[in-house]
Amino acid sequence: MMRIFVSVVLMTLLIVLGWSLLTSQEVPPADEPEPPAAGDEVSEKIVPGPQDIKEATGIVVFLAWIWLSVLVLTYFLVQKIKEADRLHRLKFFPPKKE
C-alpha cells in the first residue's frame, strides 16, 4: 500500500513540475522580419515548445498516461512474480523427470 502511495505522489509531482515548466516559458512576440534581398539565404527561426495552452495540456496528459501505464504494468508484473513464487513454494508444478 505504501508503494502505491509513493508512486502516486511521485507521479503527481512529475505532472506538477512538468506543467510548471511548460507554462512558465513565455515566447516573446516575433518582430516582422525584413524581406530578404535577392540571393540571400532565407532562414526561419523555429521556437520549440507548445504554441498554446491546448498543446501544453496535451503534452502533460500524454506524459501522465505514459507514467500511469508504466506504473500499472509494473504492478501487474510484480503481482505475477509473487504468484509464481507462491506456486513454487506450494510445489504446484511437478518436478522435472530426467
PDB file of N, CA and C in Angstrom:
ATOM      1  N   MET A   1       0.822  -1.183   0.000  1.00  0.00           N
ATOM      2  CA  MET A   1       0.000   0.000   0.000  1.00  0.00           C
ATOM      3  C   MET A   1       0.871   1.254   0.000  1.00  0.00           C
ATOM      4  N   MET A   2       1.998   1.181   0.707  1.00  0.00           N
ATOM      5  CA  MET A   2       2.901   2.328   0.773  1.00  0.00           C
ATOM      6  C   MET A   2       3.530   2.590  -0.586  1.00  0.00           C
ATOM      7  N   ARG A   3       3.843   1.524  -1.329  1.00  0.00           N
ATOM      8  CA  ARG A   3       4.426   1.689  -2.664  1.00  0.00           C
ATOM      9  C   ARG A   3       3.470   2.410  -3.593  1.00  0.00           C
ATOM     10  N   ILE A   4       2.195   2.081  -3.504  1.00  0.00           N
ATOM     11  CA  ILE A   4       1.205   2.734  -4.357  1.00  0.00           C
ATOM     12  C   ILE A   4       1.120   4.214  -3.999  1.00  0.00           C
ATOM     13  N   PHE A   5       1.117   4.517  -2.727  1.00  0.00           N
ATOM     14  CA  PHE A   5       1.057   5.906  -2.285  1.00  0.00           C
ATOM     15  C   PHE A   5       2.273   6.687  -2.780  1.00  0.00           C
ATOM     16  N   VAL A   6       3.454   6.098  -2.633  1.00  0.00           N
ATOM     17  CA  VAL A   6       4.674   6.759  -3.089  1.00  0.00           C
ATOM     18  C   VAL A   6       4.638   6.953  -4.601  1.00  0.00           C
ATOM     19  N   SER A   7       4.157   5.952  -5.335  1.00  0.00           N
ATOM     20  CA  SER A   7       4.073   6.063  -6.791  1.00  0.00           C
ATOM     21  C   SER A   7       3.120   7.179  -7.201  1.00  0.00           C
ATOM     22  N   VAL A   8       1.991   7.272  -6.541  1.00  0.00           N
ATOM     23  CA  VAL A   8       1.025   8.324  -6.866  1.00  0.00           C
ATOM     24  C   VAL A   8       1.604   9.695  -6.542  1.00  0.00           C
ATOM     25  N   VAL A   9       2.284   9.809  -5.424  1.00  0.00           N
ATOM     26  CA  VAL A   9       2.882  11.092  -5.054  1.00  0.00           C
ATOM     27  C   VAL A   9       3.959  11.484  -6.064  1.00  0.00           C
ATOM     28  N   LEU A  10       4.811  10.543  -6.466  1.00  0.00           N
ATOM     29  CA  LEU A  10       5.850  10.840  -7.443  1.00  0.00           C
ATOM     30  C   LEU A  10       5.255  11.223  -8.792  1.00  0.00           C
ATOM     31  N   MET A  11       4.222  10.510  -9.226  1.00  0.00           N
ATOM     32  CA  MET A  11       3.590  10.832 -10.497  1.00  0.00           C
ATOM     33  C   MET A  11       2.955  12.217 -10.443  1.00  0.00           C
ATOM     34  N   THR A  12       2.305  12.549  -9.335  1.00  0.00           N
ATOM     35  CA  THR A  12       1.710  13.878  -9.187  1.00  0.00           C
ATOM     36  C   THR A  12       2.789  14.953  -9.199  1.00  0.00           C
ATOM     37  N   LEU A  13       3.892  14.691  -8.542  1.00  0.00           N
ATOM     38  CA  LEU A  13       4.996  15.639  -8.526  1.00  0.00           C
ATOM     39  C   LEU A  13       5.548  15.856  -9.926  1.00  0.00           C
ATOM     40  N   LEU A  14       5.716  14.780 -10.685  1.00  0.00           N
ATOM     41  CA  LEU A  14       6.203  14.900 -12.059  1.00  0.00           C
ATOM     42  C   LEU A  14       5.229  15.693 -12.923  1.00  0.00           C
ATOM     43  N   ILE A  15       3.951  15.465 -12.757  1.00  0.00           N
ATOM     44  CA  ILE A  15       2.951  16.190 -13.544  1.00  0.00           C
ATOM     45  C   ILE A  15       2.980  17.674 -13.195  1.00  0.00           C
ATOM     46  N   VAL A  16       3.042  17.987 -11.902  1.00  0.00           N
ATOM     47  CA  VAL A  16       3.048  19.395 -11.482  1.00  0.00           C
ATOM     48  C   VAL A  16       4.312  20.096 -11.965  1.00  0.00           C
ATOM     49  N   LEU A  17       5.462  19.433 -11.836  1.00  0.00           N
ATOM     50  CA  LEU A  17       6.707  20.048 -12.304  1.00  0.00           C
ATOM     51  C   LEU A  17       6.704  20.225 -13.819  1.00  0.00           C
ATOM     52  N   GLY A  18       6.226  19.224 -14.534  1.00  0.00           N
ATOM     53  CA  GLY A  18       6.135  19.340 -15.992  1.00  0.00           C
ATOM     54  C   GLY A  18       5.200  20.445 -16.407  1.00  0.00           C
ATOM     55  N   TRP A  19       4.075  20.543 -15.722  1.00  0.00           N
ATOM     56  CA  TRP A  19       3.114  21.601 -16.035  1.00  0.00           C
ATOM     57  C   TRP A  19       3.722  22.972 -15.778  1.00  0.00           C
ATOM     58  N   SER A  20       4.423  23.126 -14.658  1.00  0.00           N
ATOM     59  CA  SER A  20       5.002  24.434 -14.342  1.00  0.00           C
ATOM     60  C   SER A  20       6.103  24.797 -15.331  1.00  0.00           C
ATOM     61  N   LEU A  21       6.881  23.815 -15.776  1.00  0.00           N
ATOM     62  CA  LEU A  21       7.921  24.098 -16.760  1.00  0.00           C
ATOM     63  C   LEU A  21       7.327  24.472 -18.106  1.00  0.00           C
ATOM     64  N   LEU A  22       6.242  23.807 -18.488  1.00  0.00           N
ATOM     65  CA  LEU A  22       5.642  24.097 -19.783  1.00  0.00           C
ATOM     66  C   LEU A  22       4.931  25.439 -19.803  1.00  0.00           C
ATOM     67  N   THR A  23       4.313  25.816 -18.710  1.00  0.00           N
ATOM     68  CA  THR A  23       3.549  27.058 -18.709  1.00  0.00           C
ATOM     69  C   THR A  23       4.385  28.266 -18.316  1.00  0.00           C
ATOM     70  N   SER A  24       5.575  28.072 -17.768  1.00  0.00           N
ATOM     71  CA  SER A  24       6.381  29.212 -17.343  1.00  0.00           C
ATOM     72  C   SER A  24       7.163  29.828 -18.499  1.00  0.00           C
ATOM     73  N   GLN A  25       7.306  29.116 -19.593  1.00  0.00           N
ATOM     74  CA  GLN A  25       8.067  29.633 -20.721  1.00  0.00           C
ATOM     75  C   GLN A  25       7.166  30.518 -21.579  1.00  0.00           C
ATOM     76  N   GLU A  26       7.500  31.779 -21.619  1.00  0.00           N
ATOM     77  CA  GLU A  26       6.740  32.699 -22.441  1.00  0.00           C
ATOM     78  C   GLU A  26       7.535  33.000 -23.699  1.00  0.00           C
ATOM     79  N   VAL A  27       6.873  32.943 -24.816  1.00  0.00           N
ATOM     80  CA  VAL A  27       7.513  33.220 -26.087  1.00  0.00           C
ATOM     81  C   VAL A  27       7.258  34.687 -26.422  1.00  0.00           C
ATOM     82  N   PRO A  28       8.322  35.453 -26.600  1.00  0.00           N
ATOM     83  CA  PRO A  28       8.107  36.859 -26.938  1.00  0.00           C
ATOM     84  C   PRO A  28       7.518  36.979 -28.342  1.00  0.00           C
ATOM     85  N   PRO A  29       6.719  38.008 -28.581  1.00  0.00           N
ATOM     86  CA  PRO A  29       6.143  38.148 -29.911  1.00  0.00           C
ATOM     87  C   PRO A  29       7.231  38.369 -30.947  1.00  0.00           C
ATOM     88  N   ALA A  30       7.068  37.719 -32.074  1.00  0.00           N
ATOM     89  CA  ALA A  30       8.064  37.811 -33.135  1.00  0.00           C
ATOM     90  C   ALA A  30       7.911  39.131 -33.870  1.00  0.00           C
ATOM     91  N   ASP A  31       9.038  39.793 -34.117  1.00  0.00           N
ATOM     92  CA  ASP A  31       9.020  41.023 -34.896  1.00  0.00           C
ATOM     93  C   ASP A  31       8.913  40.674 -36.378  1.00  0.00           C
ATOM     94  N   GLU A  32       8.384  41.604 -37.135  1.00  0.00           N
ATOM     95  CA  GLU A  32       8.271  41.388 -38.581  1.00  0.00           C
ATOM     96  C   GLU A  32       9.671  41.401 -39.181  1.00  0.00           C
ATOM     97  N   PRO A  33      10.086  40.298 -39.808  1.00  0.00           N
ATOM     98  CA  PRO A  33      11.420  40.286 -40.411  1.00  0.00           C
ATOM     99  C   PRO A  33      11.415  41.088 -41.717  1.00  0.00           C
ATOM    100  N   GLU A  34      12.568  41.628 -42.029  1.00  0.00           N
ATOM    101  CA  GLU A  34      12.705  42.351 -43.288  1.00  0.00           C
ATOM    102  C   GLU A  34      12.741  41.353 -44.431  1.00  0.00           C
ATOM    103  N   PRO A  35      12.188  41.705 -45.563  1.00  0.00           N
ATOM    104  CA  PRO A  35      12.245  40.767 -46.686  1.00  0.00           C
ATOM    105  C   PRO A  35      13.689  40.555 -47.115  1.00  0.00           C
ATOM    106  N   PRO A  36      14.043  39.298 -47.420  1.00  0.00           N
ATOM    107  CA  PRO A  36      15.438  39.029 -47.795  1.00  0.00           C
ATOM    108  C   PRO A  36      15.783  39.646 -49.151  1.00  0.00           C
ATOM    109  N   ALA A  37      17.007  40.059 -49.263  1.00  0.00           N
ATOM    110  CA  ALA A  37      17.484  40.607 -50.531  1.00  0.00           C
ATOM    111  C   ALA A  37      17.695  39.457 -51.505  1.00  0.00           C
ATOM    112  N   ALA A  38      17.760  39.783 -52.753  1.00  0.00           N
ATOM    113  CA  ALA A  38      17.942  38.755 -53.778  1.00  0.00           C
ATOM    114  C   ALA A  38      19.279  38.051 -53.562  1.00  0.00           C
ATOM    115  N   GLY A  39      19.238  36.729 -53.542  1.00  0.00           N
ATOM    116  CA  GLY A  39      20.456  35.941 -53.394  1.00  0.00           C
ATOM    117  C   GLY A  39      20.777  35.581 -51.961  1.00  0.00           C
ATOM    118  N   ASP A  40      20.117  36.181 -50.990  1.00  0.00           N
ATOM    119  CA  ASP A  40      20.359  35.836 -49.586  1.00  0.00           C
ATOM    120  C   ASP A  40      19.608  34.554 -49.232  1.00  0.00           C
ATOM    121  N   GLU A  41      20.196  33.809 -48.318  1.00  0.00           N
ATOM    122  CA  GLU A  41      19.529  32.592 -47.855  1.00  0.00           C
ATOM    123  C   GLU A  41      18.422  32.963 -46.866  1.00  0.00           C
ATOM    124  N   VAL A  42      17.311  32.278 -46.982  1.00  0.00           N
ATOM    125  CA  VAL A  42      16.196  32.525 -46.078  1.00  0.00           C
ATOM    126  C   VAL A  42      16.294  31.523 -44.932  1.00  0.00           C
ATOM    127  N   SER A  43      16.343  32.023 -43.704  1.00  0.00           N
ATOM    128  CA  SER A  43      16.390  31.125 -42.550  1.00  0.00           C
ATOM    129  C   SER A  43      15.238  31.494 -41.628  1.00  0.00           C
ATOM    130  N   GLU A  44      14.492  30.478 -41.240  1.00  0.00           N
ATOM    131  CA  GLU A  44      13.379  30.694 -40.323  1.00  0.00           C
ATOM    132  C   GLU A  44      13.834  30.395 -38.911  1.00  0.00           C
ATOM    133  N   LYS A  45      13.353  31.189 -37.979  1.00  0.00           N
ATOM    134  CA  LYS A  45      13.654  30.928 -36.579  1.00  0.00           C
ATOM    135  C   LYS A  45      12.525  30.082 -36.024  1.00  0.00           C
ATOM    136  N   ILE A  46      12.860  28.873 -35.628  1.00  0.00           N
ATOM    137  CA  ILE A  46      11.864  27.940 -35.108  1.00  0.00           C
ATOM    138  C   ILE A  46      11.989  27.910 -33.595  1.00  0.00           C
ATOM    139  N   VAL A  47      10.897  28.220 -32.931  1.00  0.00           N
ATOM    140  CA  VAL A  47      10.875  28.217 -31.475  1.00  0.00           C
ATOM    141  C   VAL A  47      10.190  26.928 -31.027  1.00  0.00           C
ATOM    142  N   PRO A  48      10.939  26.013 -30.353  1.00  0.00           N
ATOM    143  CA  PRO A  48      10.322  24.755 -29.915  1.00  0.00           C
ATOM    144  C   PRO A  48       9.395  24.977 -28.734  1.00  0.00           C
ATOM    145  N   GLY A  49       8.481  24.061 -28.596  1.00  0.00           N
ATOM    146  CA  GLY A  49       7.574  24.124 -27.455  1.00  0.00           C
ATOM    147  C   GLY A  49       6.140  24.313 -27.890  1.00  0.00           C
ATOM    148  N   PRO A  50       5.242  24.145 -26.939  1.00  0.00           N
ATOM    149  CA  PRO A  50       3.820  24.285 -27.265  1.00  0.00           C
ATOM    150  C   PRO A  50       3.474  25.729 -27.613  1.00  0.00           C
ATOM    151  N   GLN A  51       2.561  25.881 -28.570  1.00  0.00           N
ATOM    152  CA  GLN A  51       2.175  27.213 -29.014  1.00  0.00           C
ATOM    153  C   GLN A  51       1.047  27.818 -28.191  1.00  0.00           C
ATOM    154  N   ASP A  52       0.202  26.960 -27.602  1.00  0.00           N
ATOM    155  CA  ASP A  52      -0.910  27.468 -26.810  1.00  0.00           C
ATOM    156  C   ASP A  52      -1.181  26.520 -25.650  1.00  0.00           C
ATOM    157  N   ILE A  53      -2.161  26.858 -24.839  1.00  0.00           N
ATOM    158  CA  ILE A  53      -2.460  26.069 -23.638  1.00  0.00           C
ATOM    159  C   ILE A  53      -2.979  24.684 -23.991  1.00  0.00           C
ATOM    160  N   LYS A  54      -3.631  24.547 -25.135  1.00  0.00           N
ATOM    161  CA  LYS A  54      -4.166  23.243 -25.537  1.00  0.00           C
ATOM    162  C   LYS A  54      -3.033  22.257 -25.818  1.00  0.00           C
ATOM    163  N   GLU A  55      -1.998  22.721 -26.499  1.00  0.00           N
ATOM    164  CA  GLU A  55      -0.857  21.848 -26.771  1.00  0.00           C
ATOM    165  C   GLU A  55      -0.099  21.505 -25.482  1.00  0.00           C
ATOM    166  N   ALA A  56       0.061  22.468 -24.589  1.00  0.00           N
ATOM    167  CA  ALA A  56       0.757  22.218 -23.325  1.00  0.00           C
ATOM    168  C   ALA A  56      -0.014  21.198 -22.491  1.00  0.00           C
ATOM    169  N   THR A  57      -1.340  21.328 -22.471  1.00  0.00           N
ATOM    170  CA  THR A  57      -2.160  20.375 -21.733  1.00  0.00           C
ATOM    171  C   THR A  57      -2.064  18.991 -22.365  1.00  0.00           C
ATOM    172  N   GLY A  58      -2.050  18.935 -23.675  1.00  0.00           N
ATOM    173  CA  GLY A  58      -1.925  17.654 -24.365  1.00  0.00           C
ATOM    174  C   GLY A  58      -0.626  16.945 -24.037  1.00  0.00           C
ATOM    175  N   ILE A  59       0.457  17.703 -23.945  1.00  0.00           N
ATOM    176  CA  ILE A  59       1.754  17.108 -23.611  1.00  0.00           C
ATOM    177  C   ILE A  59       1.734  16.557 -22.193  1.00  0.00           C
ATOM    178  N   VAL A  60       1.192  17.317 -21.266  1.00  0.00           N
ATOM    179  CA  VAL A  60       1.143  16.874 -19.867  1.00  0.00           C
ATOM    180  C   VAL A  60       0.259  15.639 -19.723  1.00  0.00           C
ATOM    181  N   VAL A  61      -0.882  15.627 -20.406  1.00  0.00           N
ATOM    182  CA  VAL A  61      -1.778  14.465 -20.336  1.00  0.00           C
ATOM    183  C   VAL A  61      -1.107  13.241 -20.943  1.00  0.00           C
ATOM    184  N   PHE A  62      -0.411  13.419 -22.051  1.00  0.00           N
ATOM    185  CA  PHE A  62       0.307  12.303 -22.677  1.00  0.00           C
ATOM    186  C   PHE A  62       1.355  11.727 -21.725  1.00  0.00           C
ATOM    187  N   LEU A  63       2.142  12.598 -21.103  1.00  0.00           N
ATOM    188  CA  LEU A  63       3.162  12.123 -20.161  1.00  0.00           C
ATOM    189  C   LEU A  63       2.536  11.441 -18.950  1.00  0.00           C
ATOM    190  N   ALA A  64       1.405  11.969 -18.490  1.00  0.00           N
ATOM    191  CA  ALA A  64       0.729  11.343 -17.351  1.00  0.00           C
ATOM    192  C   ALA A  64       0.244   9.948 -17.721  1.00  0.00           C
ATOM    193  N   TRP A  65      -0.336   9.782 -18.920  1.00  0.00           N
ATOM    194  CA  TRP A  65      -0.785   8.455 -19.357  1.00  0.00           C
ATOM    195  C   TRP A  65       0.388   7.490 -19.504  1.00  0.00           C
ATOM    196  N   ILE A  66       1.503   7.975 -20.017  1.00  0.00           N
ATOM    197  CA  ILE A  66       2.683   7.115 -20.166  1.00  0.00           C
ATOM    198  C   ILE A  66       3.143   6.615 -18.791  1.00  0.00           C
ATOM    199  N   TRP A  67       3.277   7.533 -17.827  1.00  0.00           N
ATOM    200  CA  TRP A  67       3.736   7.133 -16.497  1.00  0.00           C
ATOM    201  C   TRP A  67       2.714   6.237 -15.799  1.00  0.00           C
ATOM    202  N   LEU A  68       1.449   6.537 -15.976  1.00  0.00           N
ATOM    203  CA  LEU A  68       0.417   5.696 -15.374  1.00  0.00           C
ATOM    204  C   LEU A  68       0.465   4.283 -15.952  1.00  0.00           C
ATOM    205  N   SER A  69       0.646   4.174 -17.256  1.00  0.00           N
ATOM    206  CA  SER A  69       0.709   2.839 -17.863  1.00  0.00           C
ATOM    207  C   SER A  69       1.962   2.087 -17.420  1.00  0.00           C
ATOM    208  N   VAL A  70       3.087   2.806 -17.257  1.00  0.00           N
ATOM    209  CA  VAL A  70       4.305   2.152 -16.759  1.00  0.00           C
ATOM    210  C   VAL A  70       4.083   1.632 -15.347  1.00  0.00           C
ATOM    211  N   LEU A  71       3.451   2.439 -14.498  1.00  0.00           N
ATOM    212  CA  LEU A  71       3.198   2.014 -13.117  1.00  0.00           C
ATOM    213  C   LEU A  71       2.233   0.833 -13.054  1.00  0.00           C
ATOM    214  N   VAL A  72       1.190   0.857 -13.873  1.00  0.00           N
ATOM    215  CA  VAL A  72       0.218  -0.249 -13.869  1.00  0.00           C
ATOM    216  C   VAL A  72       0.868  -1.531 -14.371  1.00  0.00           C
ATOM    217  N   LEU A  73       1.634  -1.437 -15.449  1.00  0.00           N
ATOM    218  CA  LEU A  73       2.303  -2.636 -15.960  1.00  0.00           C
ATOM    219  C   LEU A  73       3.336  -3.173 -14.977  1.00  0.00           C
ATOM    220  N   THR A  74       4.030  -2.290 -14.283  1.00  0.00           N
ATOM    221  CA  THR A  74       4.974  -2.734 -13.260  1.00  0.00           C
ATOM    222  C   THR A  74       4.240  -3.432 -12.118  1.00  0.00           C
ATOM    223  N   TYR A  75       3.096  -2.882 -11.725  1.00  0.00           N
ATOM    224  CA  TYR A  75       2.297  -3.513 -10.671  1.00  0.00           C
ATOM    225  C   TYR A  75       1.860  -4.916 -11.088  1.00  0.00           C
ATOM    226  N   PHE A  76       1.366  -5.064 -12.321  1.00  0.00           N
ATOM    227  CA  PHE A  76       0.949  -6.389 -12.795  1.00  0.00           C
ATOM    228  C   PHE A  76       2.129  -7.358 -12.843  1.00  0.00           C
ATOM    229  N   LEU A  77       3.290  -6.881 -13.247  1.00  0.00           N
ATOM    230  CA  LEU A  77       4.473  -7.736 -13.290  1.00  0.00           C
ATOM    231  C   LEU A  77       4.864  -8.205 -11.892  1.00  0.00           C
ATOM    232  N   VAL A  78       4.830  -7.304 -10.926  1.00  0.00           N
ATOM    233  CA  VAL A  78       5.155  -7.680  -9.544  1.00  0.00           C
ATOM    234  C   VAL A  78       4.157  -8.703  -9.022  1.00  0.00           C
ATOM    235  N   GLN A  79       2.862  -8.507  -9.304  1.00  0.00           N
ATOM    236  CA  GLN A  79       1.848  -9.462  -8.859  1.00  0.00           C
ATOM    237  C   GLN A  79       2.049 -10.827  -9.519  1.00  0.00           C
ATOM    238  N   LYS A  80       2.416 -10.844 -10.783  1.00  0.00           N
ATOM    239  CA  LYS A  80       2.653 -12.103 -11.490  1.00  0.00           C
ATOM    240  C   LYS A  80       3.857 -12.841 -10.889  1.00  0.00           C
ATOM    241  N   ILE A  81       4.894 -12.100 -10.541  1.00  0.00           N
ATOM    242  CA  ILE A  81       6.074 -12.713  -9.924  1.00  0.00           C
ATOM    243  C   ILE A  81       5.727 -13.269  -8.546  1.00  0.00           C
ATOM    244  N   LYS A  82       4.947 -12.532  -7.776  1.00  0.00           N
ATOM    245  CA  LYS A  82       4.530 -13.021  -6.453  1.00  0.00           C
ATOM    246  C   LYS A  82       3.715 -14.309  -6.583  1.00  0.00           C
ATOM    247  N   GLU A  83       2.819 -14.361  -7.557  1.00  0.00           N
ATOM    248  CA  GLU A  83       2.006 -15.557  -7.756  1.00  0.00           C
ATOM    249  C   GLU A  83       2.870 -16.748  -8.170  1.00  0.00           C
ATOM    250  N   ALA A  84       3.855 -16.526  -9.052  1.00  0.00           N
ATOM    251  CA  ALA A  84       4.753 -17.611  -9.463  1.00  0.00           C
ATOM    252  C   ALA A  84       5.569 -18.110  -8.277  1.00  0.00           C
ATOM    253  N   ASP A  85       6.043 -17.199  -7.436  1.00  0.00           N
ATOM    254  CA  ASP A  85       6.786 -17.613  -6.241  1.00  0.00           C
ATOM    255  C   ASP A  85       5.898 -18.409  -5.283  1.00  0.00           C
ATOM    256  N   ARG A  86       4.649 -17.983  -5.132  1.00  0.00           N
ATOM    257  CA  ARG A  86       3.722 -18.693  -4.255  1.00  0.00           C
ATOM    258  C   ARG A  86       3.473 -20.112  -4.767  1.00  0.00           C
ATOM    259  N   LEU A  87       3.260 -20.250  -6.074  1.00  0.00           N
ATOM    260  CA  LEU A  87       3.036 -21.585  -6.644  1.00  0.00           C
ATOM    261  C   LEU A  87       4.278 -22.459  -6.514  1.00  0.00           C
ATOM    262  N   HIS A  88       5.452 -21.847  -6.633  1.00  0.00           N
ATOM    263  CA  HIS A  88       6.691 -22.617  -6.494  1.00  0.00           C
ATOM    264  C   HIS A  88       6.853 -23.105  -5.051  1.00  0.00           C
ATOM    265  N   ARG A  89       6.534 -22.252  -4.074  1.00  0.00           N
ATOM    266  CA  ARG A  89       6.631 -22.658  -2.665  1.00  0.00           C
ATOM    267  C   ARG A  89       5.649 -23.784  -2.344  1.00  0.00           C
ATOM    268  N   LEU A  90       4.478 -23.766  -2.978  1.00  0.00           N
ATOM    269  CA  LEU A  90       3.482 -24.802  -2.730  1.00  0.00           C
ATOM    270  C   LEU A  90       3.768 -26.090  -3.502  1.00  0.00           C
ATOM    271  N   LYS A  91       4.820 -26.062  -4.327  1.00  0.00           N
ATOM    272  CA  LYS A  91       5.195 -27.196  -5.183  1.00  0.00           C
ATOM    273  C   LYS A  91       3.999 -27.592  -6.066  1.00  0.00           C
ATOM    274  N   PHE A  92       3.389 -26.596  -6.681  1.00  0.00           N
ATOM    275  CA  PHE A  92       2.235 -26.807  -7.543  1.00  0.00           C
ATOM    276  C   PHE A  92       2.640 -27.537  -8.832  1.00  0.00           C
ATOM    277  N   PHE A  93       3.816 -27.201  -9.332  1.00  0.00           N
ATOM    278  CA  PHE A  93       4.276 -27.826 -10.571  1.00  0.00           C
ATOM    279  C   PHE A  93       5.038 -29.095 -10.240  1.00  0.00           C
ATOM    280  N   PRO A  94       4.820 -30.169 -11.007  1.00  0.00           N
ATOM    281  CA  PRO A  94       5.527 -31.417 -10.721  1.00  0.00           C
ATOM    282  C   PRO A  94       7.011 -31.262 -11.040  1.00  0.00           C
ATOM    283  N   PRO A  95       7.864 -32.055 -10.340  1.00  0.00           N
ATOM    284  CA  PRO A  95       9.298 -31.981 -10.601  1.00  0.00           C
ATOM    285  C   PRO A  95       9.612 -32.489 -12.012  1.00  0.00           C
ATOM    286  N   LYS A  96      10.677 -31.994 -12.579  1.00  0.00           N
ATOM    287  CA  LYS A  96      11.076 -32.401 -13.934  1.00  0.00           C
ATOM    288  C   LYS A  96      11.609 -33.823 -13.883  1.00  0.00           C
ATOM    289  N   LYS A  97      11.179 -34.634 -14.857  1.00  0.00           N
ATOM    290  CA  LYS A  97      11.689 -36.001 -14.973  1.00  0.00           C
ATOM    291  C   LYS A  97      12.837 -35.999 -15.972  1.00  0.00           C
ATOM    292  N   GLU A  98      13.906 -36.674 -15.568  1.00  0.00           N
ATOM    293  CA  GLU A  98      15.085 -36.698 -16.439  1.00  0.00           C
ATOM    294  C   GLU A  98      15.221 -37.997 -17.159  1.00  0.00           C
TER     295      GLU A  98
END
